[in-house]
């Protein structure tokens, strides 16, 4: 494995996060659901979600990291994760194809954000759910961030309604987090 990929995997695997199971409790998941994990990386969401749903589509723009995720799934006997190499602004899936989309600490990297949110809306079925987990923008933020207020406005502008907003006390990398659950 090339050193650059090894470093990326190590960084993703060692980041402090909420247990994925806690995040997934926020969603009324059914065994028949098809779910999109946007910015799937090493599979933090995908691997936990797979046992609860019909199919998980793990989208990432890094083919090599998706190959790592596929190997992780294979080692765990998980066969219902489909890797999708793609961009948030042009998701290579059909209209009204999915029941749930989850973007965990990934949308702050996308410009323009509106294009990605409209794509998420496009691929979700009517009444489909979108869970956005992001780092809150603050004076001490390093790197790109989107404030919860700005994210809420963007989500509404993309055609969603807000179901719930959560501001957990738990932090990720010493940064505040917010979660917005929206419905198409």
C-alpha atoms as a PDB file:
ATOM      1  CA  UNK A   1       0.000   0.000   0.000  1.00  0.00           C
ATOM      2  CA  UNK A   2       1.372   3.412  -0.873  1.00  0.00           C
ATOM      3  CA  UNK A   3       2.504   5.594   2.066  1.00  0.00           C
ATOM      4  CA  UNK A   4       0.126   8.461   1.216  1.00  0.00           C
ATOM      5  CA  UNK A   5      -2.876   6.116   1.312  1.00  0.00           C
ATOM      6  CA  UNK A   6      -1.600   4.472   4.496  1.00  0.00           C
ATOM      7  CA  UNK A   7      -1.364   7.896   6.190  1.00  0.00           C
ATOM      8  CA  UNK A   8      -4.887   8.861   5.050  1.00  0.00           C
ATOM      9  CA  UNK A   9      -6.309   5.588   6.377  1.00  0.00           C
ATOM     10  CA  UNK A  10      -4.488   6.037   9.680  1.00  0.00           C
ATOM     11  CA  UNK A  11      -5.791   9.595  10.051  1.00  0.00           C
ATOM     12  CA  UNK A  12      -9.362   8.543   9.279  1.00  0.00           C
ATOM     13  CA  UNK A  13      -9.256   5.479  11.519  1.00  0.00           C
ATOM     14  CA  UNK A  14      -7.815   7.374  14.489  1.00  0.00           C
ATOM     15  CA  UNK A  15     -10.014  10.475  14.509  1.00  0.00           C
ATOM     16  CA  UNK A  16     -12.135  10.759  17.632  1.00  0.00           C
ATOM     17  CA  UNK A  17     -15.837  10.441  16.814  1.00  0.00           C
ATOM     18  CA  UNK A  18     -19.208   9.502  18.185  1.00  0.00           C
ATOM     19  CA  UNK A  19     -19.888   5.795  18.110  1.00  0.00           C
ATOM     20  CA  UNK A  20     -21.636   5.266  14.754  1.00  0.00           C
ATOM     21  CA  UNK A  21     -24.363   3.299  16.532  1.00  0.00           C
ATOM     22  CA  UNK A  22     -25.362   6.456  18.470  1.00  0.00           C
ATOM     23  CA  UNK A  23     -25.642   8.439  15.239  1.00  0.00           C
ATOM     24  CA  UNK A  24     -27.715   5.744  13.598  1.00  0.00           C
ATOM     25  CA  UNK A  25     -30.191   5.785  16.487  1.00  0.00           C
ATOM     26  CA  UNK A  26     -31.243   9.245  15.245  1.00  0.00           C
ATOM     27  CA  UNK A  27     -32.640   7.650  12.088  1.00  0.00           C
ATOM     28  CA  UNK A  28     -35.756   5.493  11.766  1.00  0.00           C
ATOM     29  CA  UNK A  29     -33.901   2.865   9.739  1.00  0.00           C
ATOM     30  CA  UNK A  30     -35.734  -0.055   8.130  1.00  0.00           C
ATOM     31  CA  UNK A  31     -34.188  -3.275   6.815  1.00  0.00           C
ATOM     32  CA  UNK A  32     -35.552  -2.432   3.342  1.00  0.00           C
ATOM     33  CA  UNK A  33     -33.800   0.979   3.211  1.00  0.00           C
ATOM     34  CA  UNK A  34     -31.105   1.926   0.737  1.00  0.00           C
ATOM     35  CA  UNK A  35     -28.660   4.414   2.233  1.00  0.00           C
ATOM     36  CA  UNK A  36     -25.983   6.729   0.872  1.00  0.00           C
ATOM     37  CA  UNK A  37     -22.858   7.419   2.953  1.00  0.00           C
ATOM     38  CA  UNK A  38     -21.385  10.616   1.473  1.00  0.00           C
ATOM     39  CA  UNK A  39     -17.628  10.844   1.914  1.00  0.00           C
ATOM     40  CA  UNK A  40     -17.552   7.263   3.155  1.00  0.00           C
ATOM     41  CA  UNK A  41     -13.790   7.148   3.689  1.00  0.00           C
ATOM     42  CA  UNK A  42     -12.790   4.018   5.607  1.00  0.00           C
ATOM     43  CA  UNK A  43     -16.409   3.100   6.343  1.00  0.00           C
ATOM     44  CA  UNK A  44     -17.154   4.522   9.780  1.00  0.00           C
ATOM     45  CA  UNK A  45     -20.847   4.926   8.863  1.00  0.00           C
ATOM     46  CA  UNK A  46     -21.107   2.350   6.059  1.00  0.00           C
ATOM     47  CA  UNK A  47     -19.860  -0.627   8.080  1.00  0.00           C
ATOM     48  CA  UNK A  48     -22.208   0.089  11.001  1.00  0.00           C
ATOM     49  CA  UNK A  49     -25.192   0.852   8.779  1.00  0.00           C
ATOM     50  CA  UNK A  50     -24.806  -2.233   6.557  1.00  0.00           C
ATOM     51  CA  UNK A  51     -26.205  -4.689   9.101  1.00  0.00           C
ATOM     52  CA  UNK A  52     -29.365  -2.592   9.509  1.00  0.00           C
ATOM     53  CA  UNK A  53     -30.397  -1.921   5.893  1.00  0.00           C
ATOM     54  CA  UNK A  54     -30.773  -3.461   2.442  1.00  0.00           C
ATOM     55  CA  UNK A  55     -27.865  -1.676   0.727  1.00  0.00           C
ATOM     56  CA  UNK A  56     -25.323   1.009   1.610  1.00  0.00           C
ATOM     57  CA  UNK A  57     -23.849   3.066  -1.213  1.00  0.00           C
ATOM     58  CA  UNK A  58     -20.449   4.299  -0.015  1.00  0.00           C
ATOM     59  CA  UNK A  59     -19.570   7.394  -2.048  1.00  0.00           C
ATOM     60  CA  UNK A  60     -16.087   8.856  -2.051  1.00  0.00           C
ATOM     61  CA  UNK A  61     -13.915  10.525  -4.672  1.00  0.00           C
ATOM     62  CA  UNK A  62     -10.917   8.399  -3.631  1.00  0.00           C
ATOM     63  CA  UNK A  63     -10.996   5.020  -5.397  1.00  0.00           C
ATOM     64  CA  UNK A  64      -8.158   3.673  -3.206  1.00  0.00           C
ATOM     65  CA  UNK A  65      -9.901   4.476   0.081  1.00  0.00           C
ATOM     66  CA  UNK A  66     -13.047   2.748  -1.229  1.00  0.00           C
ATOM     67  CA  UNK A  67     -10.950  -0.311  -2.050  1.00  0.00           C
ATOM     68  CA  UNK A  68      -9.781  -0.308   1.584  1.00  0.00           C
ATOM     69  CA  UNK A  69     -13.435  -0.066   2.700  1.00  0.00           C
ATOM     70  CA  UNK A  70     -14.362  -2.995   0.435  1.00  0.00           C
ATOM     71  CA  UNK A  71     -11.606  -5.089   2.033  1.00  0.00           C
ATOM     72  CA  UNK A  72     -12.833  -4.153   5.518  1.00  0.00           C
ATOM     73  CA  UNK A  73     -16.372  -5.191   4.574  1.00  0.00           C
ATOM     74  CA  UNK A  74     -15.150  -8.471   3.090  1.00  0.00           C
ATOM     75  CA  UNK A  75     -13.156  -9.274   6.254  1.00  0.00           C
ATOM     76  CA  UNK A  76     -16.315  -8.715   8.316  1.00  0.00           C
ATOM     77  CA  UNK A  77     -18.518 -10.776   6.002  1.00  0.00           C
ATOM     78  CA  UNK A  78     -20.506  -7.728   4.866  1.00  0.00           C
ATOM     79  CA  UNK A  79     -21.742  -8.015   1.287  1.00  0.00           C
ATOM     80  CA  UNK A  80     -24.271  -5.175   0.958  1.00  0.00           C
ATOM     81  CA  UNK A  81     -21.933  -2.175   0.620  1.00  0.00           C
ATOM     82  CA  UNK A  82     -21.591  -0.852  -2.924  1.00  0.00           C
ATOM     83  CA  UNK A  83     -18.665   1.493  -3.538  1.00  0.00           C
ATOM     84  CA  UNK A  84     -19.389   4.526  -5.681  1.00  0.00           C
ATOM     85  CA  UNK A  85     -16.525   6.690  -6.917  1.00  0.00           C
ATOM     86  CA  UNK A  86     -17.949  10.139  -7.399  1.00  0.00           C
ATOM     87  CA  UNK A  87     -18.386  13.759  -6.526  1.00  0.00           C
ATOM     88  CA  UNK A  88     -20.980  15.228  -4.155  1.00  0.00           C
ATOM     89  CA  UNK A  89     -22.043  17.701  -6.852  1.00  0.00           C
ATOM     90  CA  UNK A  90     -22.715  14.960  -9.431  1.00  0.00           C
ATOM     91  CA  UNK A  91     -23.757  11.845  -7.530  1.00  0.00           C
ATOM     92  CA  UNK A  92     -23.788   8.938 -10.021  1.00  0.00           C
ATOM     93  CA  UNK A  93     -27.087   7.486  -8.776  1.00  0.00           C
ATOM     94  CA  UNK A  94     -30.629   7.784 -10.129  1.00  0.00           C
ATOM     95  CA  UNK A  95     -33.360  10.234  -9.140  1.00  0.00           C
ATOM     96  CA  UNK A  96     -35.359   9.337  -6.030  1.00  0.00           C
ATOM     97  CA  UNK A  97     -33.216   6.247  -5.587  1.00  0.00           C
ATOM     98  CA  UNK A  98     -32.419   6.264  -1.853  1.00  0.00           C
ATOM     99  CA  UNK A  99     -34.265   6.364   1.456  1.00  0.00           C
ATOM    100  CA  UNK A 100     -31.529   7.979   3.574  1.00  0.00           C
ATOM    101  CA  UNK A 101     -28.382  10.013   2.936  1.00  0.00           C
ATOM    102  CA  UNK A 102     -25.741  10.708   5.586  1.00  0.00           C
ATOM    103  CA  UNK A 103     -22.925  13.240   5.297  1.00  0.00           C
ATOM    104  CA  UNK A 104     -20.608  12.966   8.286  1.00  0.00           C
ATOM    105  CA  UNK A 105     -17.961  15.697   8.563  1.00  0.00           C
ATOM    106  CA  UNK A 106     -17.681  16.014   4.799  1.00  0.00           C
ATOM    107  CA  UNK A 107     -19.857  18.808   3.414  1.00  0.00           C
ATOM    108  CA  UNK A 108     -17.600  21.603   4.692  1.00  0.00           C
ATOM    109  CA  UNK A 109     -15.161  20.611   1.926  1.00  0.00           C
ATOM    110  CA  UNK A 110     -17.692  21.093  -0.909  1.00  0.00           C
ATOM    111  CA  UNK A 111     -17.988  24.280  -2.954  1.00  0.00           C
ATOM    112  CA  UNK A 112     -20.586  25.341  -3.833  1.00  0.00           C
ATOM    113  CA  UNK A 113     -22.450  23.660  -0.997  1.00  0.00           C
ATOM    114  CA  UNK A 114     -25.825  24.343  -2.647  1.00  0.00           C
ATOM    115  CA  UNK A 115     -24.941  22.079  -5.596  1.00  0.00           C
ATOM    116  CA  UNK A 116     -24.204  19.131  -3.289  1.00  0.00           C
ATOM    117  CA  UNK A 117     -27.380  19.625  -1.255  1.00  0.00           C
ATOM    118  CA  UNK A 118     -29.507  19.782  -4.420  1.00  0.00           C
ATOM    119  CA  UNK A 119     -27.901  16.515  -5.568  1.00  0.00           C
ATOM    120  CA  UNK A 120     -28.683  14.893  -2.207  1.00  0.00           C
ATOM    121  CA  UNK A 121     -32.289  16.052  -2.578  1.00  0.00           C
ATOM    122  CA  UNK A 122     -32.405  14.660  -6.142  1.00  0.00           C
ATOM    123  CA  UNK A 123     -31.278  11.155  -5.188  1.00  0.00           C
ATOM    124  CA  UNK A 124     -33.615  10.873  -2.164  1.00  0.00           C
ATOM    125  CA  UNK A 125     -37.118   9.455  -2.459  1.00  0.00           C
ATOM    126  CA  UNK A 126     -40.032  11.645  -1.361  1.00  0.00           C
ATOM    127  CA  UNK A 127     -40.028  11.738   2.453  1.00  0.00           C
ATOM    128  CA  UNK A 128     -36.389  10.554   2.382  1.00  0.00           C
ATOM    129  CA  UNK A 129     -34.125  11.614   5.242  1.00  0.00           C
ATOM    130  CA  UNK A 130     -30.825  13.459   5.200  1.00  0.00           C
ATOM    131  CA  UNK A 131     -28.555  13.495   8.255  1.00  0.00           C
ATOM    132  CA  UNK A 132     -25.843  16.157   8.199  1.00  0.00           C
ATOM    133  CA  UNK A 133     -23.110  15.942  10.853  1.00  0.00           C
ATOM    134  CA  UNK A 134     -20.632  18.806  10.777  1.00  0.00           C
ATOM    135  CA  UNK A 135     -18.073  20.726  12.790  1.00  0.00           C
ATOM    136  CA  UNK A 136     -19.365  24.102  13.945  1.00  0.00           C
ATOM    137  CA  UNK A 137     -17.629  27.191  12.588  1.00  0.00           C
ATOM    138  CA  UNK A 138     -15.952  29.289  15.304  1.00  0.00           C
ATOM    139  CA  UNK A 139     -13.240  31.889  15.748  1.00  0.00           C
ATOM    140  CA  UNK A 140     -10.736  29.103  16.424  1.00  0.00           C
ATOM    141  CA  UNK A 141     -11.729  26.920  13.447  1.00  0.00           C
ATOM    142  CA  UNK A 142      -8.915  25.711  11.268  1.00  0.00           C
ATOM    143  CA  UNK A 143      -9.801  24.769   7.730  1.00  0.00           C
ATOM    144  CA  UNK A 144     -13.132  25.242   6.003  1.00  0.00           C
ATOM    145  CA  UNK A 145     -16.250  25.119   8.171  1.00  0.00           C
ATOM    146  CA  UNK A 146     -19.959  25.864   7.701  1.00  0.00           C
ATOM    147  CA  UNK A 147     -21.880  27.252  10.672  1.00  0.00           C
ATOM    148  CA  UNK A 148     -25.025  25.421  11.745  1.00  0.00           C
ATOM    149  CA  UNK A 149     -27.106  28.503  10.910  1.00  0.00           C
ATOM    150  CA  UNK A 150     -25.659  28.726   7.381  1.00  0.00           C
ATOM    151  CA  UNK A 151     -26.048  24.958   6.886  1.00  0.00           C
ATOM    152  CA  UNK A 152     -29.686  25.123   7.961  1.00  0.00           C
ATOM    153  CA  UNK A 153     -30.377  27.917   5.443  1.00  0.00           C
ATOM    154  CA  UNK A 154     -28.623  25.948   2.665  1.00  0.00           C
ATOM    155  CA  UNK A 155     -30.550  22.760   3.520  1.00  0.00           C
ATOM    156  CA  UNK A 156     -33.873  24.625   3.444  1.00  0.00           C
ATOM    157  CA  UNK A 157     -32.932  26.324   0.152  1.00  0.00           C
ATOM    158  CA  UNK A 158     -32.218  22.869  -1.342  1.00  0.00           C
ATOM    159  CA  UNK A 159     -35.850  21.863  -0.746  1.00  0.00           C
ATOM    160  CA  UNK A 160     -35.662  20.044   2.573  1.00  0.00           C
ATOM    161  CA  UNK A 161     -37.587  20.634   5.779  1.00  0.00           C
ATOM    162  CA  UNK A 162     -35.749  20.474   9.107  1.00  0.00           C
ATOM    163  CA  UNK A 163     -36.886  17.621  11.348  1.00  0.00           C
ATOM    164  CA  UNK A 164     -34.394  18.056  14.197  1.00  0.00           C
ATOM    165  CA  UNK A 165     -31.259  19.967  15.180  1.00  0.00           C
ATOM    166  CA  UNK A 166     -28.904  18.502  17.751  1.00  0.00           C
ATOM    167  CA  UNK A 167     -25.956  20.188  19.412  1.00  0.00           C
ATOM    168  CA  UNK A 168     -24.243  17.384  21.357  1.00  0.00           C
ATOM    169  CA  UNK A 169     -21.814  18.137  24.162  1.00  0.00           C
ATOM    170  CA  UNK A 170     -19.347  15.652  22.724  1.00  0.00           C
ATOM    171  CA  UNK A 171     -16.665  17.250  20.573  1.00  0.00           C
ATOM    172  CA  UNK A 172     -14.638  15.929  17.670  1.00  0.00           C
ATOM    173  CA  UNK A 173     -10.976  16.958  17.583  1.00  0.00           C
ATOM    174  CA  UNK A 174     -11.787  19.575  20.261  1.00  0.00           C
ATOM    175  CA  UNK A 175     -14.404  21.175  18.030  1.00  0.00           C
ATOM    176  CA  UNK A 176     -18.142  21.560  18.581  1.00  0.00           C
ATOM    177  CA  UNK A 177     -20.410  19.479  16.411  1.00  0.00           C
ATOM    178  CA  UNK A 178     -23.947  19.869  15.144  1.00  0.00           C
ATOM    179  CA  UNK A 179     -26.363  17.468  13.521  1.00  0.00           C
ATOM    180  CA  UNK A 180     -29.262  18.435  11.320  1.00  0.00           C
ATOM    181  CA  UNK A 181     -31.868  15.866  10.358  1.00  0.00           C
ATOM    182  CA  UNK A 182     -33.852  16.962   7.316  1.00  0.00           C
ATOM    183  CA  UNK A 183     -36.590  15.433   5.184  1.00  0.00           C
ATOM    184  CA  UNK A 184     -37.305  15.784   1.493  1.00  0.00           C
END
